[in-house]
């Protein structure tokens, strides 16, 4: 599940639409999305400051009758104006007193009063064309490295009010081979009610992030052959014999260890207010390395379940994750070539291994990032991130 609430319309849209002209508008609050809401939108006078070199023009206008419809092929919203009517209530130049004679100022005011109404509807159409082009890129699949794609498909035509647009997504997460990953129920994820007026919010459910991480599941399988890893003691049979004495009986001389972790269930993201966890279920198998190209010998296989704490950030148009070990929740012996042993004695050894050897590999994999919806050139770099019940909320600040 994905959902966005955005103030309508963004000021950046209007600024880019008039690029290259000598006038720029701070906002365009008259572009009403539907007939049913046009009356409320046009009922008040909207004051806009039009800036030109040397001064500005306070302008009060009424405008109405803009229409929203749905593109039948793509299902995307398409805005267009119908029966555009502009009533220019007042316009008055506010130039420095010594810039032009009073007679010229009056002539300028009179001319603007005649000319501006004919320019406003084409300007509104230009804004709507720009917005429609931005909607068109929303449905495009976006890559997650070489593992698959994410596509933000609209659940329905966006809901519009005089103050915001609400967009509901039904994201499609697809593996590189073409298989679609099914999203679980969103679990009642909802927007917080106390967001600031004029801000925008993007809600990403834990179920959606779980589906995205499923694209990376195979990359979470790791084989570690290094004998020296961070602050860990040497990864040899001598170190392991300190926890399992039978290892010394089977291998009196020190031998290097090889550790392989396989994640055999799809990763799962859970969220409570202020905390997000990544659950990983899999096996940890430890081998003794041999010389002369001989295959390593398996010592034992452990079934494991551990949690990683997730920290979220945004870089450009991608959601980034970094993890740290939260807890080793369970560990049980599945098989052993050295006979039975008490696996609980390995808890500290395995926990340290996960933190020092496994987590850095996971964080490297996660650097690929997950694409965010390309909606009206929203600047995600300014986002403030909040972890709520079953969802991550991006509070977006307009630049």
Protein backbone atom coordinates (compact mmCIF):
# COMPACT_ATOMS: atom_id res chain seq x y z
CA UNK A 1 0.00 0.00 0.00
CA UNK A 2 1.18 3.49 -0.79
CA UNK A 3 -0.64 6.75 -0.33
CA UNK A 4 0.19 10.40 -0.76
CA UNK A 5 -1.44 13.65 0.29
CA UNK A 6 -0.17 16.69 -1.53
CA UNK A 7 -1.20 20.36 -1.29
CA UNK A 8 -2.89 21.51 -4.49
CA UNK A 9 -1.32 22.79 -6.64
CA UNK A 10 2.43 22.86 -5.92
CA UNK A 11 4.02 26.26 -6.46
CA UNK A 12 6.87 24.70 -8.44
CA UNK A 13 4.46 23.67 -11.20
CA UNK A 14 3.46 27.25 -11.90
CA UNK A 15 7.00 28.58 -11.68
CA UNK A 16 8.25 26.14 -14.32
CA UNK A 17 5.27 26.76 -16.61
CA UNK A 18 6.07 30.45 -16.95
CA UNK A 19 9.82 29.99 -17.22
CA UNK A 20 11.25 32.32 -19.83
CA UNK A 21 8.64 35.04 -19.35
CA UNK A 22 9.18 38.27 -17.46
CA UNK A 23 6.40 37.55 -14.98
CA UNK A 24 6.19 34.75 -12.45
CA UNK A 25 3.33 33.82 -10.14
CA UNK A 26 3.81 32.66 -6.57
CA UNK A 27 0.95 30.16 -6.87
CA UNK A 28 -2.05 29.28 -8.96
CA UNK A 29 -4.87 28.67 -6.53
CA UNK A 30 -7.62 28.91 -9.18
CA UNK A 31 -6.92 25.60 -10.92
CA UNK A 32 -9.89 23.65 -9.57
CA UNK A 33 -9.83 19.92 -10.31
CA UNK A 34 -13.52 19.28 -10.81
CA UNK A 35 -16.86 20.93 -11.53
CA UNK A 36 -18.22 19.95 -8.13
CA UNK A 37 -15.47 21.86 -6.36
CA UNK A 38 -15.08 24.78 -8.72
CA UNK A 39 -17.66 26.91 -6.96
CA UNK A 40 -15.82 26.76 -3.64
CA UNK A 41 -12.55 27.46 -5.34
CA UNK A 42 -13.81 30.43 -7.27
CA UNK A 43 -15.92 31.88 -4.48
CA UNK A 44 -13.13 33.98 -3.02
CA UNK A 45 -10.79 36.47 -4.58
CA UNK A 46 -7.26 35.10 -4.88
CA UNK A 47 -4.55 37.72 -4.61
CA UNK A 48 -1.39 36.98 -6.56
CA UNK A 49 1.77 39.02 -6.67
CA UNK A 50 3.17 39.17 -10.20
CA UNK A 51 6.77 40.31 -10.08
CA UNK A 52 8.57 42.18 -12.85
CA UNK A 53 11.88 43.95 -12.93
CA UNK A 54 11.64 47.08 -10.81
CA UNK A 55 8.30 46.35 -9.07
CA UNK A 56 5.28 44.08 -8.66
CA UNK A 57 1.60 43.97 -9.55
CA UNK A 58 -1.08 43.10 -6.98
CA UNK A 59 -3.75 41.21 -8.99
CA UNK A 60 -7.16 39.97 -7.81
CA UNK A 61 -8.93 37.49 -10.10
CA UNK A 62 -11.91 35.13 -10.16
CA UNK A 63 -11.70 31.96 -12.27
CA UNK A 64 -13.75 28.78 -12.57
CA UNK A 65 -14.86 25.71 -14.47
CA UNK A 66 -11.92 23.33 -14.73
CA UNK A 67 -12.48 19.65 -15.24
CA UNK A 68 -10.75 16.41 -14.26
CA UNK A 69 -11.18 13.16 -16.12
CA UNK A 70 -9.43 9.81 -16.37
CA UNK A 71 -7.30 8.59 -19.26
CA UNK A 72 -9.02 5.38 -20.40
CA UNK A 73 -5.78 3.67 -21.49
CA UNK A 74 -3.54 4.43 -18.48
CA UNK A 75 -6.10 5.08 -15.73
CA UNK A 76 -4.18 8.23 -14.84
CA UNK A 77 -5.97 11.48 -14.04
CA UNK A 78 -6.02 14.08 -16.79
CA UNK A 79 -6.83 17.70 -16.05
CA UNK A 80 -8.27 20.07 -18.63
CA UNK A 81 -10.08 23.39 -18.59
CA UNK A 82 -13.55 23.81 -20.04
CA UNK A 83 -15.33 27.13 -20.36
CA UNK A 84 -12.52 29.02 -18.65
CA UNK A 85 -13.65 32.46 -17.55
CA UNK A 86 -11.46 35.05 -15.87
CA UNK A 87 -12.87 38.15 -14.21
CA UNK A 88 -10.12 40.60 -13.38
CA UNK A 89 -11.31 42.46 -10.32
CA UNK A 90 -8.36 44.80 -9.98
CA UNK A 91 -4.83 45.34 -11.18
CA UNK A 92 -2.53 48.12 -10.19
CA UNK A 93 1.17 48.58 -10.82
CA UNK A 94 3.34 49.26 -7.82
CA UNK A 95 6.46 50.71 -9.40
CA UNK A 96 8.92 53.18 -7.90
CA UNK A 97 7.43 56.70 -8.11
CA UNK A 98 10.28 58.06 -10.20
CA UNK A 99 10.26 55.20 -12.69
CA UNK A 100 7.35 56.30 -14.91
CA UNK A 101 5.18 59.43 -15.17
CA UNK A 102 1.70 59.15 -13.58
CA UNK A 103 0.05 59.33 -17.00
CA UNK A 104 2.08 56.35 -18.20
CA UNK A 105 1.25 54.44 -15.01
CA UNK A 106 -2.48 54.93 -15.60
CA UNK A 107 -2.13 53.84 -19.21
CA UNK A 108 -0.19 50.76 -18.07
CA UNK A 109 -2.89 49.86 -15.52
CA UNK A 110 -5.63 50.26 -18.11
CA UNK A 111 -3.76 48.18 -20.69
CA UNK A 112 -3.07 45.38 -18.19
CA UNK A 113 -6.74 45.32 -17.21
CA UNK A 114 -7.65 44.69 -20.85
CA UNK A 115 -4.84 42.28 -21.75
CA UNK A 116 -4.40 40.08 -18.66
CA UNK A 117 -7.81 38.27 -18.77
CA UNK A 118 -6.97 36.95 -22.22
CA UNK A 119 -3.63 35.63 -20.96
CA UNK A 120 -4.83 33.89 -17.80
CA UNK A 121 -6.75 30.99 -19.42
CA UNK A 122 -3.83 30.01 -21.70
CA UNK A 123 -1.57 30.22 -18.63
CA UNK A 124 -3.91 27.88 -16.74
CA UNK A 125 -3.96 25.49 -19.72
CA UNK A 126 -0.15 25.53 -19.75
CA UNK A 127 -0.11 24.56 -16.07
CA UNK A 128 -2.56 21.71 -16.69
CA UNK A 129 -0.50 20.41 -19.63
CA UNK A 130 2.55 20.41 -17.39
CA UNK A 131 0.71 18.58 -14.59
CA UNK A 132 -0.65 15.98 -17.04
CA UNK A 133 2.86 15.29 -18.34
CA UNK A 134 4.04 14.73 -14.77
CA UNK A 135 1.19 12.28 -14.11
CA UNK A 136 2.17 10.36 -17.25
CA UNK A 137 5.52 9.33 -15.76
CA UNK A 138 3.92 7.97 -12.59
CA UNK A 139 3.08 4.52 -13.96
CA UNK A 140 6.55 3.78 -15.32
CA UNK A 141 8.30 0.75 -13.72
CA UNK A 142 11.40 1.79 -11.75
CA UNK A 143 14.34 -0.57 -11.26
CA UNK A 144 15.63 -1.92 -7.95
CA UNK A 145 19.18 -2.69 -9.07
CA UNK A 146 19.16 -5.82 -11.23
CA UNK A 147 16.65 -7.61 -9.00
CA UNK A 148 13.33 -6.28 -10.27
CA UNK A 149 11.09 -3.25 -10.55
CA UNK A 150 8.56 -1.25 -8.56
CA UNK A 151 5.57 0.33 -10.28
CA UNK A 152 3.22 2.75 -8.54
CA UNK A 153 -0.22 1.99 -9.99
CA UNK A 154 -3.11 4.25 -9.00
CA UNK A 155 -5.83 2.42 -7.07
CA UNK A 156 -8.40 4.97 -8.21
CA UNK A 157 -8.63 8.50 -9.58
CA UNK A 158 -7.05 10.84 -7.01
CA UNK A 159 -9.40 12.47 -4.52
CA UNK A 160 -9.24 16.25 -4.72
CA UNK A 161 -10.34 18.95 -2.29
CA UNK A 162 -9.73 22.71 -2.39
CA UNK A 163 -6.60 22.21 -0.23
CA UNK A 164 -5.02 18.89 -1.22
CA UNK A 165 -4.91 15.91 -3.58
CA UNK A 166 -5.01 12.39 -2.10
CA UNK A 167 -3.41 9.70 -4.25
CA UNK A 168 -3.82 6.00 -3.40
CA UNK A 169 -1.35 3.54 -4.91
CA UNK A 170 -1.46 -0.19 -5.36
CA UNK A 171 2.26 -0.81 -5.97
CA UNK A 172 3.37 -3.67 -8.19
CA UNK A 173 6.66 -5.28 -7.12
CA UNK A 174 8.02 -7.55 -9.83
CA UNK A 175 11.09 -9.76 -9.92
CA UNK A 176 13.49 -9.58 -12.84
CA UNK A 177 12.11 -12.87 -14.17
CA UNK A 178 8.63 -11.35 -14.31
CA UNK A 179 7.10 -12.90 -11.17
CA UNK A 180 4.96 -10.47 -9.17
CA UNK A 181 5.41 -10.44 -5.40
CA UNK A 182 2.05 -10.36 -3.63
CA UNK A 183 1.61 -7.69 -0.98
CA UNK A 184 0.16 -8.69 2.38
CA UNK A 185 -2.61 -6.68 4.03
CA UNK A 186 -1.42 -3.21 5.06
CA UNK A 187 -2.57 -3.76 8.63
CA UNK A 188 -4.57 -0.57 9.08
CA UNK A 189 -1.78 1.90 8.29
CA UNK A 190 -3.16 5.45 8.45
CA UNK A 191 -1.92 9.00 8.02
CA UNK A 192 -1.29 10.95 11.23
CA UNK A 193 -3.81 13.74 11.71
CA UNK A 194 -1.43 16.41 12.98
CA UNK A 195 0.55 17.18 9.82
CA UNK A 196 1.32 20.83 9.08
CA UNK A 197 -0.88 22.78 6.69
CA UNK A 198 0.74 23.12 3.27
CA UNK A 199 2.95 20.05 3.73
CA UNK A 200 2.69 16.78 1.82
CA UNK A 201 2.77 13.24 3.16
CA UNK A 202 3.73 9.94 1.59
CA UNK A 203 2.78 6.77 3.48
CA UNK A 204 4.59 3.50 2.76
CA UNK A 205 3.16 0.46 4.52
CA UNK A 206 5.30 -2.19 6.18
CA UNK A 207 3.71 -4.73 3.81
CA UNK A 208 4.94 -2.77 0.79
CA UNK A 209 8.50 -2.50 2.17
CA UNK A 210 8.39 -6.24 2.90
CA UNK A 211 7.58 -6.93 -0.76
CA UNK A 212 10.42 -4.69 -1.92
CA UNK A 213 12.92 -6.44 0.35
CA UNK A 214 11.79 -9.78 -1.06
CA UNK A 215 13.49 -8.70 -4.30
CA UNK A 216 16.80 -8.78 -2.41
CA UNK A 217 16.32 -12.08 -0.57
CA UNK A 218 18.89 -14.03 -2.60
CA UNK A 219 21.44 -11.27 -2.03
CA UNK A 220 21.06 -11.85 1.72
CA UNK A 221 22.67 -15.28 1.33
CA UNK A 222 26.30 -14.90 2.39
CA UNK A 223 29.40 -17.12 2.59
CA UNK A 224 32.20 -15.75 4.80
CA UNK A 225 35.68 -17.22 4.32
CA UNK A 226 37.80 -14.57 6.05
CA UNK A 227 39.69 -15.76 9.11
CA UNK A 228 40.06 -12.25 10.59
CA UNK A 229 36.87 -10.16 10.77
CA UNK A 230 36.69 -6.85 12.62
CA UNK A 231 36.98 -7.28 16.39
CA UNK A 232 36.18 -11.00 16.26
CA UNK A 233 38.68 -13.64 17.40
CA UNK A 234 40.25 -15.71 14.58
CA UNK A 235 37.63 -17.79 12.79
CA UNK A 236 39.30 -21.16 13.38
CA UNK A 237 38.47 -24.51 14.94
CA UNK A 238 40.49 -23.49 18.02
CA UNK A 239 38.14 -20.56 18.72
CA UNK A 240 35.05 -22.70 18.07
CA UNK A 241 36.38 -25.46 20.38
CA UNK A 242 36.11 -22.99 23.26
CA UNK A 243 32.33 -23.29 22.91
CA UNK A 244 32.07 -26.86 21.58
CA UNK A 245 34.86 -29.11 22.95
CA UNK A 246 34.05 -31.87 20.45
CA UNK A 247 35.51 -29.67 17.69
CA UNK A 248 38.99 -30.03 19.26
CA UNK A 249 38.58 -33.79 19.36
CA UNK A 250 37.70 -33.91 15.64
CA UNK A 251 40.32 -31.31 14.60
CA UNK A 252 43.31 -31.20 16.97
CA UNK A 253 45.18 -28.83 14.66
CA UNK A 254 43.77 -25.35 13.88
CA UNK A 255 41.71 -25.17 10.71
CA UNK A 256 40.03 -22.10 9.12
CA UNK A 257 36.25 -21.87 9.37
CA UNK A 258 33.81 -21.02 6.60
CA UNK A 259 30.35 -19.76 7.57
CA UNK A 260 27.37 -19.71 5.22
CA UNK A 261 24.06 -17.98 5.98
CA UNK A 262 21.01 -18.72 3.83
CA UNK A 263 17.73 -16.82 4.25
CA UNK A 264 15.03 -19.39 3.49
CA UNK A 265 11.92 -17.28 4.21
CA UNK A 266 11.02 -13.91 2.68
CA UNK A 267 12.28 -11.00 4.81
CA UNK A 268 9.54 -9.28 6.80
CA UNK A 269 9.30 -5.67 7.99
CA UNK A 270 7.37 -4.80 11.13
CA UNK A 271 6.73 -1.32 12.50
CA UNK A 272 5.70 0.09 15.83
CA UNK A 273 5.75 3.78 16.64
CA UNK A 274 9.38 4.89 16.53
CA UNK A 275 10.86 1.47 15.69
CA UNK A 276 11.11 -0.72 12.60
CA UNK A 277 12.51 -4.25 12.46
CA UNK A 278 13.60 -6.58 9.68
CA UNK A 279 12.91 -10.25 10.53
CA UNK A 280 15.19 -12.82 8.94
CA UNK A 281 14.69 -16.60 9.13
CA UNK A 282 17.34 -18.94 7.77
CA UNK A 283 20.15 -21.36 8.40
CA UNK A 284 23.71 -20.81 9.56
CA UNK A 285 26.09 -23.58 8.48
CA UNK A 286 29.68 -23.78 9.66
CA UNK A 287 32.38 -25.64 7.68
CA UNK A 288 36.00 -26.57 8.16
CA UNK A 289 38.11 -25.45 5.22
CA UNK A 290 40.55 -27.91 3.62
CA UNK A 291 43.61 -27.47 1.45
CA UNK A 292 44.41 -28.47 -2.13
CA UNK A 293 41.02 -27.45 -3.49
CA UNK A 294 39.10 -30.02 -1.48
CA UNK A 295 35.53 -29.04 -0.55
CA UNK A 296 34.96 -27.86 3.04
CA UNK A 297 33.49 -30.26 5.61
CA UNK A 298 30.20 -29.29 7.30
CA UNK A 299 30.35 -29.19 11.10
CA UNK A 300 26.73 -28.27 11.87
CA UNK A 301 23.65 -26.44 10.62
CA UNK A 302 21.65 -24.09 12.87
CA UNK A 303 18.11 -22.84 12.26
CA UNK A 304 18.13 -19.14 13.16
CA UNK A 305 15.69 -16.25 13.55
CA UNK A 306 17.08 -12.78 14.20
CA UNK A 307 15.91 -9.18 13.94
CA UNK A 308 17.69 -6.18 12.47
CA UNK A 309 16.77 -2.64 13.48
CA UNK A 310 16.14 -0.47 10.40
CA UNK A 311 17.05 3.20 10.09
CA UNK A 312 15.49 5.01 7.12
CA UNK A 313 16.72 7.97 5.12
CA UNK A 314 16.14 9.50 1.70
CA UNK A 315 18.70 10.21 -1.00
CA UNK A 316 17.34 12.00 -4.05
CA UNK A 317 14.32 9.92 -5.16
CA UNK A 318 15.16 6.71 -3.27
CA UNK A 319 14.40 5.36 0.16
CA UNK A 320 17.56 4.12 1.87
CA UNK A 321 17.87 1.61 4.72
CA UNK A 322 20.71 0.78 7.08
CA UNK A 323 20.50 -1.96 9.69
CA UNK A 324 22.03 -3.02 12.99
CA UNK A 325 21.51 -6.21 14.96
CA UNK A 326 18.57 -6.02 17.35
CA UNK A 327 18.31 -9.56 18.74
CA UNK A 328 19.11 -13.18 18.00
CA UNK A 329 15.66 -14.53 18.80
CA UNK A 330 16.11 -18.28 18.35
CA UNK A 331 18.73 -20.81 17.36
CA UNK A 332 18.32 -24.59 17.14
CA UNK A 333 20.51 -27.40 15.85
CA UNK A 334 19.27 -28.91 12.58
CA UNK A 335 22.20 -31.26 11.90
CA UNK A 336 25.72 -31.93 13.18
CA UNK A 337 28.69 -34.06 12.02
CA UNK A 338 30.36 -33.82 15.43
CA UNK A 339 27.47 -35.17 17.46
CA UNK A 340 25.05 -33.36 19.79
CA UNK A 341 26.04 -30.16 21.60
CA UNK A 342 24.34 -27.37 23.49
CA UNK A 343 23.74 -24.71 20.86
CA UNK A 344 22.89 -22.08 23.51
CA UNK A 345 26.61 -21.93 24.33
CA UNK A 346 27.11 -20.50 20.82
CA UNK A 347 24.70 -17.57 21.37
CA UNK A 348 27.40 -14.97 22.09
CA UNK A 349 29.70 -16.29 19.35
CA UNK A 350 26.95 -16.26 16.70
CA UNK A 351 25.60 -12.87 17.82
CA UNK A 352 29.04 -11.28 17.47
CA UNK A 353 29.49 -12.94 14.08
CA UNK A 354 26.20 -11.56 12.79
CA UNK A 355 27.05 -8.06 13.96
CA UNK A 356 30.63 -7.96 12.67
CA UNK A 357 30.48 -10.13 9.54
CA UNK A 358 26.88 -10.39 8.32
CA UNK A 359 25.30 -6.96 8.94
CA UNK A 360 27.92 -5.05 6.87
CA UNK A 361 27.12 -7.28 3.88
CA UNK A 362 23.38 -6.64 4.29
CA UNK A 363 23.96 -2.89 4.45
CA UNK A 364 26.00 -3.04 1.26
CA UNK A 365 23.12 -4.83 -0.47
CA UNK A 366 20.62 -2.23 0.79
CA UNK A 367 22.59 0.63 -0.75
CA UNK A 368 20.65 -0.03 -3.98
CA UNK A 369 17.73 1.93 -2.44
CA UNK A 370 14.03 1.73 -3.26
CA UNK A 371 12.43 4.15 -5.75
CA UNK A 372 9.82 6.63 -4.54
CA UNK A 373 6.88 7.71 -6.76
CA UNK A 374 7.72 10.31 -9.39
CA UNK A 375 4.90 12.70 -8.56
CA UNK A 376 4.99 16.36 -9.67
CA UNK A 377 8.74 16.71 -9.12
CA UNK A 378 8.42 16.29 -5.37
CA UNK A 379 11.74 16.94 -3.61
CA UNK A 380 12.18 13.97 -1.29
CA UNK A 381 15.52 15.23 0.03
CA UNK A 382 13.61 17.60 2.32
CA UNK A 383 11.49 14.82 3.82
CA UNK A 384 11.16 14.20 7.54
CA UNK A 385 10.61 10.50 8.28
CA UNK A 386 8.34 9.12 11.01
CA UNK A 387 7.81 5.47 11.87
CA UNK A 388 4.18 4.89 12.86
CA UNK A 389 2.05 1.80 13.41
CA UNK A 390 2.62 -0.44 10.36
CA UNK A 391 3.86 2.41 8.16
CA UNK A 392 6.65 4.82 7.33
CA UNK A 393 5.41 8.40 6.78
CA UNK A 394 7.47 10.87 4.77
CA UNK A 395 6.55 14.44 5.66
CA UNK A 396 7.54 16.35 2.54
CA UNK A 397 8.52 20.01 2.65
CA UNK A 398 8.05 22.03 -0.52
CA UNK A 399 11.24 23.84 -1.53
